[in-house]
Amino acid sequence: SDLNARILKSVVDQLDIAKIHLLGNSMGGHSSVAFTLNWPERVGKLVLMGGGTGGMSLFTPMPTEGIKRLNQLYRQPTIENLKLMMDIFVFDTSDLTDALFEARLNNMLSRRDHLENFVKSLEANPKQFPDFGPRLAEIKAQTLIVWGRNDRFVPMDAGLRLLSGIAGSELHIFRDCGHWAQWE
């Protein structure tokens, strides 16, 4: 997440943008929190969807069912593993089509080197998603937290940690919604 935050900072600097609004889903949420903690003066508003704190869940064994299936997909990128992962990625699977599965798998396989490097980075640095819980009070940006009540990737108590840690933040929990809140 810190690496992603540094890369984003380089892009923002290169584009000569003084202040940005960030929206991050899952790992992108964690990276957005890392950016906000490192460069608070550069962040206007922050939207976090299904990610952002790191650390352990108080209620759900880690890694979660979703993360296990995601890791399986990254190590063996097949249509079968993608379907297994997507079946718990969203609450309502009725909108998941074969065309969507094929497009997502083709996207993954189009940069096999990226996929392999990502897996290697997870193995080399399993703590690359540090627990930002103790630092959340440093975030002063207006923050909206969005969570799916049925998220099987990042437990809902992570959203509650964000809410309690970031002063003035708002948490919106959507029932019948999984990890892909922007889809559902």
Foldseek 3Di string as FASTA:
>chain_A
DLVLLVVVVVVCVVVVQQADEAEAAAVGQQSVLNNCLVCVRRYAAYEYAQDHFDDDDPPADPPFPLVVLVLVCLVPVDLVSLCVNVPQQWLDCPPPDPVNSVVVSCVCVVPNVVSVVVNVVCVVCVCPRPGCLVVLCVRAHAYEYEYECSERRHHCVVVVSNVVRHPNYYYDYDYRTYRPNVVD
